[in-house]
Amino acid sequence: MSYQREYERRLRVGFVGVGSHAYRNLLPTLTFLPVELCAVCDLDLERARATAAQYGASGVYTSTAEMYAREELDAVFLAVSPRLHPQLTCEAFDAGLHVWLEKPPAIRAAQVAEMISHQGDRVCVVGFKKAFTPAADKVAEILAEPAYGPLRSLLAVYPLSLPREGARLLAEGNHTNNLCHPMALMMRIGGNISAVTTYRARAGGGCVVCEFTSGAIGTLHMADGSAAGVPHEHYMFYGNGVHVEVDNFQRVGLYKGIPFKYERTTHYAPTGFDHGVLVWEPQNNLATLENKALFTQGIYGEMRYFCDCVLEQRPAELCGLPFALELMQVHEAALLSEGDRTAVAG
């Protein structure tokens, strides 16, 4: 990893939307990316000016069209409402720019399909950060090993609810895709999903059962009502004689089991090192990068991946628009399901 000032090649980028999330999480990540921030665009002109001055950008705009016309940019980062993502993404594509945008990418899956129709040869990555965490990388590495994979089933626990009357909400465009957070990790590891069944608890929460085209089954437990401000995410991936646990993206455990015979085994830690549990977690006692939320939560990973794809002139295989389209279709199917198996459009 290098710092921005150390890269020999940098992308000339603009940044659209410099509100609280962008200011706290995305803009600080530029320190570690091969970019030169040339322009800032925000409807709040004073906020755009202050942000541009802080990060050394010379261009300040309230209009993306004006920014694209005046600046010589390679790419743009979009951190605005998902209601604005489709229009702004298509506009950037039409201006010849590569695009990174926050999740969710849109309100409806059809809008993502429209974005794809404008994309051409431009790179696009959607910021599904959980798919870019170090934990996600480690799970993918483990289950790619023939001795450990393939994935058979998975369990995800995440605090959310899916509202009822999904058909009406989809027709009105009046909903938020919170499902995208855990589903991005589930789909990175499990692959495409062919059908879902949603069960809603009366007081909120419930579960979504996902049928992967690989034959694996995944269950998302919607833990609505969980305590706020404490660790609340948990994932378990079951392979071939092993399982992998991810706790709040701060701990990854590979459980390989121990030599065991019912009625005979008397020692829970038998001789040898080819069994038991292997754990990875941040050491958190030094001010090093692997401890920082920008890295453990996948924010650096998603933005660096985008930059690398653009610089290397290769399409985004992870969390590109086709992936985003499939994830949005899963979300729509989950909204429509009322305890019945619902096929995912595709």
Protein backbone atom coordinates (compact mmCIF):
# COMPACT_ATOMS: atom_id res chain seq x y z
CA MET A 1 0.00 0.00 0.00
CA SER A 2 1.17 3.50 -0.83
CA TYR A 3 0.09 6.97 0.20
CA GLN A 4 -1.37 9.46 -2.27
CA ARG A 5 1.83 11.52 -2.38
CA GLU A 6 3.88 8.43 -3.32
CA TYR A 7 2.00 7.25 -6.43
CA GLU A 8 3.63 7.94 -9.78
CA ARG A 9 0.31 7.63 -11.66
CA ARG A 10 -2.81 9.31 -10.34
CA LEU A 11 -6.35 9.67 -11.58
CA ARG A 12 -7.75 13.15 -11.94
CA VAL A 13 -11.03 12.94 -10.06
CA GLY A 14 -14.03 15.00 -9.07
CA PHE A 15 -16.12 14.41 -5.97
CA VAL A 16 -19.89 14.94 -5.96
CA GLY A 17 -21.63 15.24 -2.60
CA VAL A 18 -19.49 16.21 0.38
CA GLY A 19 -21.97 15.81 3.21
CA SER A 20 -21.41 14.12 6.56
CA HIS A 21 -20.73 10.57 5.33
CA ALA A 22 -18.38 11.65 2.56
CA TYR A 23 -16.53 14.04 4.87
CA ARG A 24 -16.12 11.49 7.69
CA ASN A 25 -15.31 8.38 5.68
CA LEU A 26 -14.72 8.81 1.96
CA LEU A 27 -12.65 11.95 1.60
CA PRO A 28 -10.14 10.86 4.30
CA THR A 29 -9.61 7.66 2.32
CA LEU A 30 -8.21 9.67 -0.61
CA THR A 31 -4.99 9.93 1.42
CA PHE A 32 -4.31 6.30 0.52
CA LEU A 33 -5.47 6.31 -3.12
CA PRO A 34 -3.73 7.07 -6.45
CA VAL A 35 -5.84 10.16 -7.12
CA GLU A 36 -5.60 13.91 -7.49
CA LEU A 37 -8.76 15.64 -6.30
CA CYS A 38 -9.33 18.34 -8.89
CA ALA A 39 -12.89 19.46 -8.22
CA VAL A 40 -15.68 19.31 -5.66
CA CYS A 41 -19.38 19.58 -6.45
CA ASP A 42 -22.16 20.05 -3.89
CA LEU A 43 -25.46 21.91 -3.80
CA ASP A 44 -24.16 23.72 -0.73
CA LEU A 45 -21.63 26.08 -2.31
CA GLU A 46 -19.97 27.12 0.94
CA ARG A 47 -19.52 23.51 2.00
CA ALA A 48 -18.03 22.70 -1.40
CA ARG A 49 -15.61 25.64 -1.12
CA ALA A 50 -14.48 24.70 2.38
CA THR A 51 -13.97 21.05 1.40
CA ALA A 52 -12.09 21.94 -1.78
CA ALA A 53 -9.80 24.26 0.15
CA GLN A 54 -9.07 21.58 2.74
CA TYR A 55 -8.19 18.95 0.12
CA GLY A 56 -6.42 21.24 -2.33
CA ALA A 57 -8.98 21.04 -5.13
CA SER A 58 -9.08 24.08 -7.41
CA GLY A 59 -12.55 23.51 -8.89
CA VAL A 60 -15.72 24.27 -6.93
CA TYR A 61 -19.17 23.67 -8.43
CA THR A 62 -22.84 23.26 -7.70
CA SER A 63 -23.51 21.75 -11.13
CA THR A 64 -22.06 18.43 -12.28
CA ALA A 65 -22.59 19.38 -15.92
CA GLU A 66 -20.48 22.51 -15.46
CA MET A 67 -17.80 20.55 -13.62
CA TYR A 68 -17.56 17.98 -16.42
CA ALA A 69 -17.42 20.71 -19.08
CA ARG A 70 -14.70 22.73 -17.37
CA GLU A 71 -12.49 20.07 -15.78
CA GLU A 72 -10.32 17.42 -17.41
CA LEU A 73 -11.30 14.45 -15.25
CA ASP A 74 -10.70 10.73 -15.50
CA ALA A 75 -13.28 9.68 -12.95
CA VAL A 76 -15.87 10.87 -10.46
CA PHE A 77 -16.90 9.74 -6.99
CA LEU A 78 -20.64 10.06 -6.28
CA ALA A 79 -21.82 10.21 -2.68
CA VAL A 80 -25.41 11.40 -2.93
CA SER A 81 -28.90 10.01 -2.40
CA PRO A 82 -29.70 6.74 -4.23
CA ARG A 83 -32.53 8.67 -5.87
CA LEU A 84 -29.91 10.77 -7.67
CA HIS A 85 -27.44 7.99 -8.47
CA PRO A 86 -29.02 6.81 -11.76
CA GLN A 87 -29.21 10.28 -13.31
CA LEU A 88 -25.76 11.36 -12.15
CA THR A 89 -24.13 8.06 -13.10
CA CYS A 90 -25.57 8.13 -16.62
CA GLU A 91 -24.52 11.78 -16.98
CA ALA A 92 -20.96 10.92 -15.95
CA PHE A 93 -20.82 7.95 -18.32
CA ASP A 94 -22.05 10.15 -21.16
CA ALA A 95 -19.28 12.62 -20.30
CA GLY A 96 -16.74 9.79 -20.74
CA LEU A 97 -15.93 9.36 -17.05
CA HIS A 98 -15.40 6.30 -14.90
CA VAL A 99 -17.72 6.20 -11.88
CA TRP A 100 -17.56 5.07 -8.28
CA LEU A 101 -20.86 5.48 -6.44
CA GLU A 102 -22.15 4.76 -2.98
CA LYS A 103 -24.64 2.05 -2.21
CA PRO A 104 -27.53 1.59 -2.79
CA PRO A 105 -27.00 2.34 -6.48
CA ALA A 106 -30.65 3.22 -7.15
CA ILE A 107 -34.22 2.83 -5.94
CA ARG A 108 -35.26 0.19 -8.49
CA ALA A 109 -33.38 -2.54 -10.34
CA ALA A 110 -34.59 -1.19 -13.68
CA GLN A 111 -32.66 2.01 -13.02
CA VAL A 112 -29.43 0.02 -12.71
CA ALA A 113 -30.20 -1.64 -16.04
CA GLU A 114 -30.53 1.83 -17.54
CA MET A 115 -27.17 2.79 -16.06
CA ILE A 116 -25.61 -0.27 -17.71
CA SER A 117 -27.00 0.85 -21.08
CA HIS A 118 -25.00 4.09 -20.75
CA GLN A 119 -21.81 2.55 -19.37
CA GLY A 120 -19.94 1.61 -22.53
CA ASP A 121 -16.31 0.82 -21.70
CA ARG A 122 -16.23 2.94 -18.53
CA VAL A 123 -15.37 1.32 -15.21
CA CYS A 124 -18.03 1.45 -12.52
CA VAL A 125 -17.84 0.17 -8.94
CA VAL A 126 -20.65 0.41 -6.38
CA GLY A 127 -19.48 0.92 -2.80
CA PHE A 128 -20.80 -2.27 -1.22
CA LYS A 129 -18.12 -1.96 1.42
CA LYS A 130 -18.79 -5.24 3.25
CA ALA A 131 -17.79 -7.17 0.13
CA PHE A 132 -14.38 -5.44 0.26
CA THR A 133 -13.53 -6.02 3.92
CA PRO A 134 -10.39 -7.97 4.88
CA ALA A 135 -12.81 -10.46 6.45
CA ALA A 136 -14.56 -11.00 3.12
CA ASP A 137 -11.21 -11.52 1.40
CA LYS A 138 -10.22 -14.15 3.96
CA VAL A 139 -13.52 -16.05 3.73
CA ALA A 140 -13.27 -16.09 -0.07
CA GLU A 141 -9.67 -17.33 0.13
CA ILE A 142 -10.57 -20.13 2.55
CA LEU A 143 -13.57 -21.42 0.63
CA ALA A 144 -11.62 -21.33 -2.65
CA GLU A 145 -9.36 -24.07 -1.22
CA PRO A 146 -10.51 -27.48 -2.56
CA ALA A 147 -10.05 -28.99 0.90
CA TYR A 148 -12.43 -26.47 2.48
CA GLY A 149 -14.97 -25.51 -0.19
CA PRO A 150 -17.38 -25.22 -1.77
CA LEU A 151 -19.84 -23.23 0.31
CA ARG A 152 -22.80 -25.33 1.45
CA SER A 153 -24.74 -22.87 3.56
CA LEU A 154 -24.38 -19.56 5.35
CA LEU A 155 -26.00 -17.55 8.12
CA ALA A 156 -25.97 -13.76 8.40
CA VAL A 157 -27.24 -11.71 11.34
CA TYR A 158 -27.91 -8.02 10.72
CA PRO A 159 -30.28 -5.52 12.40
CA LEU A 160 -32.95 -4.56 9.87
CA SER A 161 -36.56 -5.12 8.88
CA LEU A 162 -38.27 -5.46 5.52
CA PRO A 163 -41.60 -3.62 5.46
CA ARG A 164 -44.82 -5.25 4.37
CA GLU A 165 -46.75 -4.27 1.25
CA GLY A 166 -43.62 -4.56 -0.83
CA ALA A 167 -45.47 -4.32 -4.14
CA ARG A 168 -46.93 -0.92 -3.18
CA LEU A 169 -43.60 0.37 -1.91
CA LEU A 170 -41.85 -0.68 -5.12
CA ALA A 171 -44.53 0.96 -7.24
CA GLU A 172 -44.22 4.19 -5.25
CA GLY A 173 -40.42 4.07 -5.10
CA ASN A 174 -40.80 4.68 -1.38
CA HIS A 175 -38.31 2.38 0.29
CA THR A 176 -34.65 2.09 1.28
CA ASN A 177 -32.50 -0.90 0.40
CA ASN A 178 -30.92 -1.68 3.77
CA LEU A 179 -30.70 -5.29 2.65
CA CYS A 180 -27.73 -4.33 0.48
CA HIS A 181 -25.38 -4.18 3.46
CA PRO A 182 -25.31 -7.87 4.49
CA MET A 183 -26.43 -9.13 1.06
CA ALA A 184 -23.30 -7.77 -0.63
CA LEU A 185 -21.10 -10.03 1.51
CA MET A 186 -23.49 -12.98 1.14
CA MET A 187 -23.45 -12.66 -2.65
CA ARG A 188 -19.70 -12.15 -2.89
CA ILE A 189 -19.17 -15.48 -1.13
CA GLY A 190 -22.26 -17.38 -2.29
CA GLY A 191 -22.69 -16.04 -5.82
CA ASN A 192 -25.97 -15.45 -7.63
CA ILE A 193 -29.32 -15.99 -5.92
CA SER A 194 -32.22 -17.58 -7.82
CA ALA A 195 -35.05 -17.26 -5.27
CA VAL A 196 -35.84 -15.88 -1.83
CA THR A 197 -38.47 -16.44 0.84
CA THR A 198 -39.12 -13.70 3.38
CA TYR A 199 -40.65 -14.35 6.79
CA ARG A 200 -41.59 -11.24 8.78
CA ALA A 201 -42.06 -11.19 12.54
CA ARG A 202 -45.09 -9.27 13.78
CA ALA A 203 -43.01 -6.83 15.82
CA GLY A 204 -40.29 -6.38 13.19
CA GLY A 205 -37.37 -8.41 11.92
CA GLY A 206 -37.66 -11.97 10.64
CA CYS A 207 -35.53 -13.81 8.12
CA VAL A 208 -34.85 -14.10 4.40
CA VAL A 209 -33.99 -17.54 3.04
CA CYS A 210 -31.82 -17.31 -0.09
CA GLU A 211 -31.40 -20.06 -2.68
CA PHE A 212 -28.07 -19.68 -4.46
CA THR A 213 -27.67 -20.98 -7.99
CA SER A 214 -24.69 -22.99 -6.73
CA GLY A 215 -27.07 -25.06 -4.61
CA ALA A 216 -26.06 -23.42 -1.33
CA ILE A 217 -28.68 -22.03 1.04
CA GLY A 218 -28.28 -18.79 2.96
CA THR A 219 -30.34 -17.38 5.80
CA LEU A 220 -30.32 -13.69 6.67
CA HIS A 221 -31.66 -13.21 10.19
CA MET A 222 -33.10 -9.70 10.36
CA ALA A 223 -32.28 -8.86 13.96
CA ASP A 224 -34.47 -5.79 14.28
CA GLY A 225 -34.63 -4.64 17.89
CA SER A 226 -31.02 -5.45 18.71
CA ALA A 227 -29.21 -3.16 21.13
CA ALA A 228 -27.79 -0.02 19.55
CA GLY A 229 -24.14 0.97 19.78
CA VAL A 230 -22.76 -2.52 20.37
CA PRO A 231 -21.34 -5.17 18.00
CA HIS A 232 -24.27 -6.68 16.16
CA GLU A 233 -23.12 -8.34 12.93
CA HIS A 234 -22.32 -12.00 12.68
CA TYR A 235 -21.75 -14.33 9.70
CA MET A 236 -21.11 -18.07 9.48
CA PHE A 237 -20.05 -19.87 6.30
CA TYR A 238 -20.15 -23.68 6.15
CA GLY A 239 -17.91 -25.56 3.75
CA ASN A 240 -16.42 -29.04 3.55
CA GLY A 241 -15.68 -30.11 7.12
CA VAL A 242 -14.96 -26.54 8.21
CA HIS A 243 -16.82 -23.37 8.94
CA VAL A 244 -15.73 -19.75 9.02
CA GLU A 245 -17.10 -17.15 11.41
CA VAL A 246 -16.95 -13.37 10.99
CA ASP A 247 -17.72 -11.29 14.08
CA ASN A 248 -18.45 -7.62 13.42
CA PHE A 249 -15.67 -7.60 10.79
CA GLN A 250 -13.12 -7.51 13.61
CA ARG A 251 -12.51 -11.24 13.91
CA VAL A 252 -12.34 -14.11 11.43
CA GLY A 253 -12.20 -17.65 12.73
CA LEU A 254 -11.51 -20.81 10.71
CA TYR A 255 -12.93 -23.78 12.63
CA LYS A 256 -11.30 -27.01 11.45
CA GLY A 257 -12.55 -29.25 14.24
CA ILE A 258 -10.55 -31.81 16.23
CA PRO A 259 -10.00 -35.57 15.85
CA PHE A 260 -13.16 -36.92 17.45
CA LYS A 261 -14.79 -40.26 18.20
CA TYR A 262 -18.01 -40.30 20.16
CA GLU A 263 -17.61 -42.27 23.43
CA ARG A 264 -13.81 -42.36 22.97
CA THR A 265 -12.41 -38.81 22.72
CA THR A 266 -11.34 -37.43 26.09
CA HIS A 267 -9.13 -34.45 25.15
CA TYR A 268 -10.52 -31.28 23.59
CA ALA A 269 -7.02 -30.13 22.53
CA PRO A 270 -5.29 -33.24 21.17
CA THR A 271 -1.69 -33.25 19.97
CA GLY A 272 -0.90 -31.47 16.73
CA PHE A 273 -1.57 -28.19 14.97
CA ASP A 274 -3.60 -29.24 11.92
CA HIS A 275 -6.91 -28.90 13.76
CA GLY A 276 -8.67 -26.48 16.09
CA VAL A 277 -9.37 -22.82 15.36
CA LEU A 278 -7.26 -20.30 13.44
CA VAL A 279 -8.12 -16.67 14.20
CA TRP A 280 -7.33 -13.37 12.50
CA GLU A 281 -8.11 -10.03 14.13
CA PRO A 282 -6.64 -6.50 14.36
CA GLN A 283 -4.07 -6.13 17.10
CA ASN A 284 -5.37 -2.67 18.06
CA ASN A 285 -2.39 -1.64 20.18
CA LEU A 286 -0.50 0.37 17.56
CA ALA A 287 -1.60 3.25 15.36
CA THR A 288 -1.26 1.12 12.23
CA LEU A 289 -3.59 1.01 9.25
CA GLU A 290 -5.08 -2.45 9.70
CA ASN A 291 -6.75 -1.24 12.92
CA LYS A 292 -8.57 1.69 11.33
CA ALA A 293 -12.25 1.52 10.37
CA LEU A 294 -11.48 2.79 6.85
CA PHE A 295 -9.69 -0.52 6.32
CA THR A 296 -11.59 -3.00 8.53
CA GLN A 297 -14.95 -1.82 7.14
CA GLY A 298 -13.90 -2.08 3.49
CA ILE A 299 -14.03 1.60 2.57
CA TYR A 300 -10.41 1.70 1.43
CA GLY A 301 -10.84 -1.64 -0.33
CA GLU A 302 -13.79 -0.55 -2.47
CA MET A 303 -12.25 2.77 -3.48
CA ARG A 304 -8.79 1.34 -4.16
CA TYR A 305 -10.30 -1.46 -6.25
CA PHE A 306 -12.05 1.12 -8.41
CA CYS A 307 -8.86 3.11 -8.93
CA ASP A 308 -6.89 0.00 -9.81
CA CYS A 309 -9.48 -1.10 -12.37
CA VAL A 310 -9.36 2.30 -14.07
CA LEU A 311 -5.56 2.53 -14.05
CA GLU A 312 -5.19 -1.04 -15.33
CA GLN A 313 -7.96 -0.56 -17.90
CA ARG A 314 -9.92 -3.61 -16.82
CA PRO A 315 -13.61 -4.00 -16.00
CA ALA A 316 -14.74 -4.34 -12.41
CA GLU A 317 -15.47 -7.98 -11.68
CA LEU A 318 -16.41 -7.31 -8.05
CA CYS A 319 -19.37 -5.05 -7.27
CA GLY A 320 -19.72 -3.67 -10.76
CA LEU A 321 -23.12 -2.73 -12.18
CA PRO A 322 -24.08 -6.32 -13.13
CA PHE A 323 -23.51 -7.34 -9.49
CA ALA A 324 -25.49 -4.28 -8.35
CA LEU A 325 -28.36 -5.18 -10.69
CA GLU A 326 -28.54 -8.71 -9.30
CA LEU A 327 -28.45 -7.44 -5.72
CA MET A 328 -31.26 -4.96 -6.43
CA GLN A 329 -33.31 -7.77 -7.98
CA VAL A 330 -32.78 -9.86 -4.83
CA HIS A 331 -33.97 -6.92 -2.73
CA GLU A 332 -37.11 -6.49 -4.82
CA ALA A 333 -37.91 -10.20 -4.63
CA ALA A 334 -37.42 -10.13 -0.85
CA LEU A 335 -39.79 -7.16 -0.55
CA LEU A 336 -42.43 -8.95 -2.63
CA SER A 337 -42.21 -12.25 -0.75
CA GLU A 338 -44.74 -12.74 2.04
CA GLY A 339 -43.64 -16.16 3.22
CA ASP A 340 -43.76 -17.55 -0.32
CA ARG A 341 -40.87 -18.57 -2.53
CA THR A 342 -40.22 -15.68 -4.92
CA ALA A 343 -37.99 -16.00 -7.97
CA VAL A 344 -35.32 -13.36 -8.50
CA ALA A 345 -35.74 -11.62 -11.84
CA GLY A 346 -32.86 -12.05 -14.22
